[in-house]
N, C-alpha and C. Protein backbone atom coordinates (compact mmCIF):
# COMPACT_ATOMS: atom_id res chain seq x y z
N MET A 1 0.85 -1.18 0.00
CA MET A 1 0.00 0.00 0.00
C MET A 1 0.90 1.23 0.00
N ASN A 2 0.53 2.23 -0.79
CA ASN A 2 1.30 3.47 -0.81
C ASN A 2 0.56 4.55 -0.03
N ILE A 3 1.17 5.70 0.12
CA ILE A 3 0.60 6.77 0.96
C ILE A 3 -0.72 7.29 0.40
N THR A 4 -0.87 7.31 -0.92
CA THR A 4 -2.12 7.79 -1.52
C THR A 4 -3.27 6.85 -1.17
N ASN A 5 -3.02 5.55 -1.29
CA ASN A 5 -4.05 4.58 -0.92
C ASN A 5 -4.35 4.66 0.58
N ALA A 6 -3.31 4.81 1.39
CA ALA A 6 -3.50 4.92 2.84
C ALA A 6 -4.36 6.13 3.17
N LYS A 7 -4.09 7.24 2.51
CA LYS A 7 -4.87 8.45 2.74
C LYS A 7 -6.34 8.22 2.37
N ASP A 8 -6.59 7.59 1.23
CA ASP A 8 -7.97 7.32 0.81
C ASP A 8 -8.71 6.44 1.81
N VAL A 9 -8.04 5.40 2.29
CA VAL A 9 -8.66 4.50 3.28
C VAL A 9 -8.99 5.28 4.55
N MET A 10 -8.04 6.09 5.01
CA MET A 10 -8.25 6.83 6.25
C MET A 10 -9.34 7.88 6.10
N LEU A 11 -9.43 8.52 4.95
CA LEU A 11 -10.50 9.50 4.72
C LEU A 11 -11.87 8.83 4.74
N LYS A 12 -11.97 7.66 4.12
CA LYS A 12 -13.24 6.93 4.13
C LYS A 12 -13.58 6.44 5.53
N MET A 13 -12.56 6.03 6.29
CA MET A 13 -12.80 5.62 7.68
C MET A 13 -13.33 6.80 8.48
N ARG A 14 -12.79 7.96 8.21
CA ARG A 14 -13.22 9.18 8.91
C ARG A 14 -14.69 9.47 8.61
N CYS A 15 -15.13 9.12 7.42
CA CYS A 15 -16.53 9.32 7.02
C CYS A 15 -17.38 8.10 7.36
N HIS A 16 -16.86 7.21 8.19
CA HIS A 16 -17.57 6.03 8.68
C HIS A 16 -17.86 4.99 7.61
N GLN A 17 -17.07 4.98 6.56
CA GLN A 17 -17.15 3.91 5.57
C GLN A 17 -16.05 2.93 5.93
N ARG A 18 -16.40 1.70 6.15
CA ARG A 18 -15.43 0.73 6.65
C ARG A 18 -14.81 -0.10 5.53
N TYR A 19 -13.52 -0.38 5.69
CA TYR A 19 -12.79 -1.33 4.86
C TYR A 19 -12.60 -2.58 5.70
N ASN A 20 -11.97 -3.56 5.14
CA ASN A 20 -11.66 -4.72 5.98
C ASN A 20 -10.51 -4.35 6.92
N PRO A 21 -10.41 -5.01 8.05
CA PRO A 21 -9.39 -4.64 9.05
C PRO A 21 -7.95 -4.70 8.53
N LYS A 22 -7.65 -5.63 7.61
CA LYS A 22 -6.30 -5.72 7.08
C LYS A 22 -5.95 -4.47 6.28
N THR A 23 -6.86 -3.98 5.47
CA THR A 23 -6.63 -2.77 4.68
C THR A 23 -6.48 -1.56 5.59
N GLU A 24 -7.31 -1.46 6.61
CA GLU A 24 -7.21 -0.35 7.56
C GLU A 24 -5.88 -0.39 8.29
N ASP A 25 -5.45 -1.58 8.70
CA ASP A 25 -4.16 -1.72 9.39
C ASP A 25 -3.01 -1.29 8.49
N GLU A 26 -3.05 -1.68 7.21
CA GLU A 26 -2.01 -1.27 6.27
C GLU A 26 -2.00 0.24 6.08
N ALA A 27 -3.19 0.85 6.04
CA ALA A 27 -3.28 2.30 5.88
C ALA A 27 -2.64 3.02 7.08
N PHE A 28 -2.94 2.53 8.27
CA PHE A 28 -2.35 3.16 9.46
C PHE A 28 -0.84 2.96 9.52
N LYS A 29 -0.36 1.79 9.14
CA LYS A 29 1.09 1.56 9.13
C LYS A 29 1.78 2.50 8.15
N GLU A 30 1.20 2.68 6.96
CA GLU A 30 1.79 3.59 5.96
C GLU A 30 1.76 5.03 6.46
N ALA A 31 0.67 5.42 7.10
CA ALA A 31 0.56 6.79 7.63
C ALA A 31 1.58 7.03 8.74
N ILE A 32 1.75 6.08 9.63
CA ILE A 32 2.72 6.20 10.72
C ILE A 32 4.14 6.26 10.16
N PHE A 33 4.44 5.41 9.18
CA PHE A 33 5.75 5.41 8.54
C PHE A 33 6.05 6.77 7.92
N THR A 34 5.06 7.34 7.23
CA THR A 34 5.24 8.63 6.57
C THR A 34 5.36 9.76 7.60
N LEU A 35 4.56 9.72 8.64
CA LEU A 35 4.66 10.74 9.69
C LEU A 35 6.00 10.68 10.40
N ASN A 36 6.51 9.49 10.63
CA ASN A 36 7.81 9.35 11.28
C ASN A 36 8.93 10.00 10.47
N LYS A 37 8.80 10.01 9.16
CA LYS A 37 9.79 10.67 8.29
C LYS A 37 9.80 12.18 8.50
N GLN A 38 8.69 12.73 8.99
CA GLN A 38 8.57 14.17 9.18
C GLN A 38 9.10 14.62 10.55
N ILE A 39 9.42 13.67 11.41
CA ILE A 39 9.98 13.99 12.72
C ILE A 39 11.49 14.04 12.58
N GLY A 40 12.08 15.18 12.88
CA GLY A 40 13.52 15.34 12.72
C GLY A 40 14.32 14.45 13.64
N ILE A 41 15.35 13.84 13.09
CA ILE A 41 16.26 13.00 13.85
C ILE A 41 17.66 13.57 13.68
N ASN A 42 18.42 13.60 14.75
CA ASN A 42 19.80 14.10 14.68
C ASN A 42 20.67 13.13 13.88
N PRO A 43 21.44 13.66 12.94
CA PRO A 43 22.35 12.79 12.18
C PRO A 43 23.57 12.42 13.01
N GLU A 44 24.28 11.40 12.57
CA GLU A 44 25.49 10.95 13.24
C GLU A 44 26.71 11.60 12.57
N LEU A 45 27.52 12.30 13.36
CA LEU A 45 28.73 12.94 12.83
C LEU A 45 29.77 11.87 12.50
N VAL A 46 30.29 11.93 11.28
CA VAL A 46 31.30 10.98 10.85
C VAL A 46 32.68 11.62 10.93
N ALA A 47 32.83 12.76 10.23
CA ALA A 47 34.14 13.42 10.19
C ALA A 47 33.99 14.82 9.64
N ASN A 48 35.01 15.62 9.86
CA ASN A 48 35.09 16.91 9.20
C ASN A 48 35.54 16.69 7.77
N SER A 49 35.01 17.47 6.86
CA SER A 49 35.33 17.32 5.44
C SER A 49 36.69 17.91 5.12
N TYR A 50 37.43 17.22 4.31
CA TYR A 50 38.70 17.73 3.84
C TYR A 50 38.51 18.62 2.61
N LEU A 51 37.32 18.55 2.00
CA LEU A 51 37.05 19.31 0.79
C LEU A 51 36.87 20.80 1.08
N ARG A 52 36.16 21.09 2.15
CA ARG A 52 35.89 22.48 2.51
C ARG A 52 36.07 22.63 4.02
N LYS A 53 36.56 23.76 4.41
CA LYS A 53 36.94 23.98 5.79
C LYS A 53 35.78 23.87 6.78
N HIS A 54 34.60 24.39 6.43
CA HIS A 54 33.51 24.49 7.41
C HIS A 54 32.41 23.45 7.22
N HIS A 55 32.65 22.41 6.46
CA HIS A 55 31.64 21.39 6.27
C HIS A 55 32.00 20.13 7.05
N GLN A 56 30.97 19.53 7.60
CA GLN A 56 31.15 18.28 8.31
C GLN A 56 30.33 17.22 7.59
N ILE A 57 30.75 15.98 7.69
CA ILE A 57 30.04 14.89 7.04
C ILE A 57 29.29 14.10 8.11
N TYR A 58 28.01 13.88 7.84
CA TYR A 58 27.13 13.15 8.75
C TYR A 58 26.53 11.95 8.04
N ILE A 59 25.96 11.05 8.82
CA ILE A 59 25.25 9.89 8.28
C ILE A 59 23.80 9.96 8.73
N CYS A 60 22.89 9.69 7.81
CA CYS A 60 21.47 9.62 8.14
C CYS A 60 21.25 8.47 9.12
N PRO A 61 20.55 8.70 10.23
CA PRO A 61 20.34 7.65 11.21
C PRO A 61 19.41 6.53 10.74
N VAL A 62 18.66 6.77 9.66
CA VAL A 62 17.72 5.76 9.17
C VAL A 62 18.36 4.87 8.10
N CYS A 63 18.91 5.49 7.04
CA CYS A 63 19.42 4.70 5.91
C CYS A 63 20.94 4.58 5.91
N LYS A 64 21.61 5.30 6.82
CA LYS A 64 23.07 5.24 6.97
C LYS A 64 23.83 5.76 5.75
N ARG A 65 23.23 6.67 5.00
CA ARG A 65 23.91 7.29 3.85
C ARG A 65 24.50 8.63 4.27
N ILE A 66 25.47 9.12 3.52
CA ILE A 66 26.18 10.35 3.85
C ILE A 66 25.31 11.58 3.58
N ILE A 67 25.39 12.54 4.51
CA ILE A 67 24.72 13.84 4.39
C ILE A 67 25.78 14.90 4.67
N ILE A 68 25.82 15.95 3.86
CA ILE A 68 26.72 17.07 4.13
C ILE A 68 25.91 18.15 4.82
N LYS A 69 26.35 18.56 6.01
CA LYS A 69 25.62 19.50 6.84
C LYS A 69 25.30 20.79 6.11
N LYS A 70 24.16 21.35 6.44
CA LYS A 70 23.65 22.64 5.98
C LYS A 70 23.00 22.59 4.60
N PHE A 71 23.26 21.56 3.84
CA PHE A 71 22.68 21.49 2.51
C PHE A 71 21.37 20.71 2.49
N ASN A 72 21.13 19.90 3.49
CA ASN A 72 19.97 19.02 3.45
C ASN A 72 19.11 19.16 4.70
N CYS A 73 17.84 19.44 4.52
CA CYS A 73 16.88 19.37 5.62
C CYS A 73 16.27 17.97 5.69
N TYR A 74 16.35 17.26 4.58
CA TYR A 74 15.87 15.89 4.48
C TYR A 74 16.96 15.04 3.84
N CYS A 75 16.99 13.77 4.18
CA CYS A 75 17.93 12.86 3.55
C CYS A 75 17.52 12.67 2.09
N ASN A 76 18.48 12.82 1.19
CA ASN A 76 18.20 12.66 -0.24
C ASN A 76 17.88 11.22 -0.62
N HIS A 77 18.23 10.29 0.22
CA HIS A 77 18.05 8.88 -0.12
C HIS A 77 16.75 8.29 0.41
N CYS A 78 16.44 8.54 1.69
CA CYS A 78 15.24 7.93 2.28
C CYS A 78 14.14 8.93 2.62
N GLY A 79 14.44 10.23 2.59
CA GLY A 79 13.43 11.24 2.86
C GLY A 79 13.24 11.59 4.32
N GLN A 80 14.06 11.02 5.20
CA GLN A 80 13.95 11.32 6.62
C GLN A 80 14.30 12.78 6.89
N LYS A 81 13.49 13.46 7.70
CA LYS A 81 13.79 14.83 8.08
C LYS A 81 15.00 14.81 9.02
N ILE A 82 15.92 15.73 8.79
CA ILE A 82 17.13 15.82 9.60
C ILE A 82 17.02 17.02 10.53
N ASP A 83 17.27 16.80 11.80
CA ASP A 83 17.25 17.85 12.81
C ASP A 83 18.70 18.21 13.15
N TRP A 84 19.12 19.39 12.72
CA TRP A 84 20.49 19.81 12.96
C TRP A 84 20.67 20.37 14.36
N GLY A 85 19.60 20.56 15.11
CA GLY A 85 19.69 20.99 16.49
C GLY A 85 20.26 22.38 16.68
N GLU A 86 20.00 23.26 15.75
CA GLU A 86 20.55 24.62 15.86
C GLU A 86 19.46 25.63 16.05
C-alpha cells in the first residue's frame, strides 16, 4: 500500500465507511511510517570534510547514507527529516 491509498482509506474511515481490518491496518502503518519521516532525527557525525573547511560529514540515522551539513533538511536517499539541532 502506498501513501495515496492509505490516505484514501483513512478518509473513508473518517466518514464512517469501513474497509476490511487488514486494509485499515495497512493504511495506518503507511501513515505512521510517513509521519515518522517528518519527525527530525539528529544525524550521526562521521568526520570533518577535507574538501571544505567548514563542512562536516554526517550519516542519516535511518538509511546510513552520507549527508553534508547545511545542505539538506531531508535525507536525499530515504526522505527522513534531519534535525540539525541549531
